[in-house]
N, C-alpha and C. Protein backbone atom coordinates (compact mmCIF):
# COMPACT_ATOMS: atom_id res chain seq x y z
N UNK A 1 166.89 121.41 163.86
CA UNK A 1 167.90 120.83 162.89
C UNK A 1 169.33 120.77 163.51
N UNK A 2 169.72 121.50 164.29
CA UNK A 2 171.36 121.30 164.57
C UNK A 2 171.24 120.17 165.50
N UNK A 3 170.41 119.75 166.30
CA UNK A 3 170.36 118.41 166.87
C UNK A 3 171.21 117.19 165.76
N UNK A 4 169.99 117.16 164.65
CA UNK A 4 170.11 116.26 163.72
C UNK A 4 171.66 116.48 163.09
N UNK A 5 172.00 117.71 162.72
CA UNK A 5 173.06 117.92 161.68
C UNK A 5 174.33 117.50 162.61
N UNK A 6 174.39 118.59 163.86
CA UNK A 6 175.57 118.45 164.63
C UNK A 6 175.99 117.09 165.51
N UNK A 7 174.77 116.44 165.92
CA UNK A 7 175.04 115.46 166.61
C UNK A 7 174.83 114.02 165.90
N UNK A 8 173.84 113.83 165.32
CA UNK A 8 173.67 112.63 164.72
C UNK A 8 174.38 112.52 163.28
N UNK A 9 174.68 113.26 162.48
CA UNK A 9 175.55 113.55 161.42
C UNK A 9 176.91 113.64 161.85
N UNK A 10 177.10 114.36 162.89
CA UNK A 10 178.62 114.89 163.50
C UNK A 10 179.13 115.92 162.30
N UNK A 11 178.29 116.86 162.05
CA UNK A 11 178.80 117.89 160.98
C UNK A 11 178.26 119.30 161.79
N UNK A 12 178.47 120.20 160.77
CA UNK A 12 178.53 121.66 161.33
C UNK A 12 177.37 122.34 160.47
N UNK A 13 176.45 122.96 160.94
CA UNK A 13 175.51 123.80 160.43
C UNK A 13 176.07 125.35 160.22
N UNK A 14 176.33 125.76 159.35
CA UNK A 14 177.07 127.23 159.26
C UNK A 14 175.93 128.27 159.15
N UNK A 15 176.18 129.39 159.88
CA UNK A 15 175.31 130.66 160.08
C UNK A 15 175.52 131.41 158.71
N UNK A 16 174.67 132.32 158.28
CA UNK A 16 174.81 132.88 157.02
C UNK A 16 176.18 133.59 156.85
N UNK A 17 176.33 134.44 157.80
CA UNK A 17 177.76 135.24 157.86
C UNK A 17 178.80 134.50 157.78
N UNK A 18 178.83 133.34 158.54
CA UNK A 18 179.96 132.67 158.67
C UNK A 18 180.22 131.87 157.15
N UNK A 19 179.18 131.58 156.78
CA UNK A 19 179.10 130.84 155.33
C UNK A 19 179.72 131.73 154.29
N UNK A 20 179.21 132.84 154.38
CA UNK A 20 179.80 133.90 153.15
C UNK A 20 181.18 134.14 153.50
N UNK A 21 181.56 134.36 154.85
CA UNK A 21 183.10 134.38 155.01
C UNK A 21 183.95 133.29 154.35
N UNK A 22 183.45 132.24 154.43
CA UNK A 22 183.95 131.00 153.89
C UNK A 22 184.15 131.12 152.47
N UNK A 23 183.12 131.52 151.72
CA UNK A 23 182.99 131.43 150.22
C UNK A 23 184.08 132.71 149.80
N UNK A 24 183.95 133.72 150.57
CA UNK A 24 184.82 134.89 149.85
C UNK A 24 186.25 134.51 150.28
N UNK A 25 186.60 133.95 151.43
CA UNK A 25 188.26 133.56 151.66
C UNK A 25 188.56 132.40 150.70
N UNK A 26 187.52 131.80 149.71
CA UNK A 26 187.87 130.80 148.93
C UNK A 26 188.20 131.67 147.61
N UNK A 27 188.06 132.81 147.51
CA UNK A 27 188.26 133.65 146.54
C UNK A 27 187.02 134.22 145.62
N UNK A 28 185.88 133.97 146.14
CA UNK A 28 184.66 134.35 145.30
C UNK A 28 184.43 135.87 145.79
N UNK A 29 184.46 136.92 144.70
CA UNK A 29 183.84 138.17 145.25
C UNK A 29 182.38 138.52 145.33
N UNK A 30 181.71 137.99 144.41
CA UNK A 30 180.29 138.07 144.37
C UNK A 30 179.60 136.92 145.10
N UNK A 31 178.95 137.33 146.12
CA UNK A 31 178.12 136.16 147.00
C UNK A 31 176.80 136.72 147.17
N UNK A 32 175.82 135.85 146.79
CA UNK A 32 174.55 136.32 147.31
C UNK A 32 173.63 135.11 147.69
N UNK A 33 172.55 135.28 148.47
CA UNK A 33 171.90 134.20 148.96
C UNK A 33 170.77 134.19 148.40
N UNK A 34 169.97 133.00 148.11
CA UNK A 34 168.66 133.09 147.16
C UNK A 34 167.86 131.82 148.10
N UNK A 35 166.47 131.97 148.01
CA UNK A 35 165.56 130.81 148.56
C UNK A 35 165.64 129.66 147.78
N UNK A 36 165.22 128.55 148.29
CA UNK A 36 165.06 127.35 147.78
C UNK A 36 163.94 127.39 146.84
N UNK A 37 163.97 126.72 145.73
CA UNK A 37 162.58 126.63 144.87
C UNK A 37 161.27 126.21 145.38
N UNK A 38 160.30 126.62 145.14
CA UNK A 38 158.90 126.58 145.62
C UNK A 38 158.81 125.22 146.31
N UNK A 39 159.02 124.04 145.50
CA UNK A 39 158.67 122.80 146.21
C UNK A 39 159.49 122.60 147.58
N UNK A 40 160.79 123.15 147.51
CA UNK A 40 161.47 122.87 148.87
C UNK A 40 161.75 123.99 149.73
N UNK A 41 160.76 124.84 149.69
CA UNK A 41 160.80 126.40 150.26
C UNK A 41 161.04 125.98 151.73
N UNK A 42 160.75 124.79 152.42
CA UNK A 42 160.88 124.67 153.55
C UNK A 42 162.25 124.53 154.28
N UNK A 43 163.23 124.14 153.39
CA UNK A 43 164.55 124.02 153.54
C UNK A 43 165.20 125.45 153.92
N UNK A 44 164.44 126.49 153.53
CA UNK A 44 165.01 127.86 153.91
C UNK A 44 164.91 128.22 155.35
N UNK A 45 164.11 127.07 156.30
CA UNK A 45 164.26 127.43 157.62
C UNK A 45 165.54 127.13 158.33
N UNK A 46 166.38 126.00 157.64
CA UNK A 46 167.63 125.86 158.03
C UNK A 46 168.87 125.86 157.31
N UNK A 47 168.55 125.93 155.84
CA UNK A 47 169.80 125.65 154.77
C UNK A 47 169.89 127.03 154.14
N UNK A 48 170.84 127.07 153.44
CA UNK A 48 171.22 128.15 152.53
C UNK A 48 171.43 127.79 151.15
N UNK A 49 171.07 128.49 150.14
CA UNK A 49 171.43 128.56 148.58
C UNK A 49 172.20 129.77 148.45
N UNK A 50 173.60 129.21 148.15
CA UNK A 50 174.80 130.39 147.91
C UNK A 50 175.03 130.40 146.39
N UNK A 51 174.85 131.65 145.85
CA UNK A 51 175.26 131.77 144.46
C UNK A 51 176.35 132.78 144.30
N UNK A 52 177.46 132.29 143.85
CA UNK A 52 178.77 133.11 143.90
C UNK A 52 179.49 133.04 142.51
N UNK A 53 180.29 134.07 142.09
CA UNK A 53 181.12 133.85 141.00
C UNK A 53 182.39 134.96 140.95
N UNK A 54 183.07 134.62 140.44
CA UNK A 54 184.46 135.59 140.46
C UNK A 54 184.15 136.59 139.19
N UNK A 55 184.25 137.89 139.18
CA UNK A 55 184.23 138.68 138.19
C UNK A 55 185.11 138.19 136.94
N UNK A 56 184.62 138.27 135.62
CA UNK A 56 185.39 137.63 134.75
C UNK A 56 186.45 138.73 134.29
């Protein structure tokens, strides 16, 4: 997938820890990763679902 994302689309695929660092740097304190819904579970091979919020 990196070939398609980084070379064809000229984008960057973030690793989990790197992505979490960016979300926390944006001010979100609660960060968790979840799986994609069942019909799209194959996206878990290279993608991330990030759920985050700031405490109220």
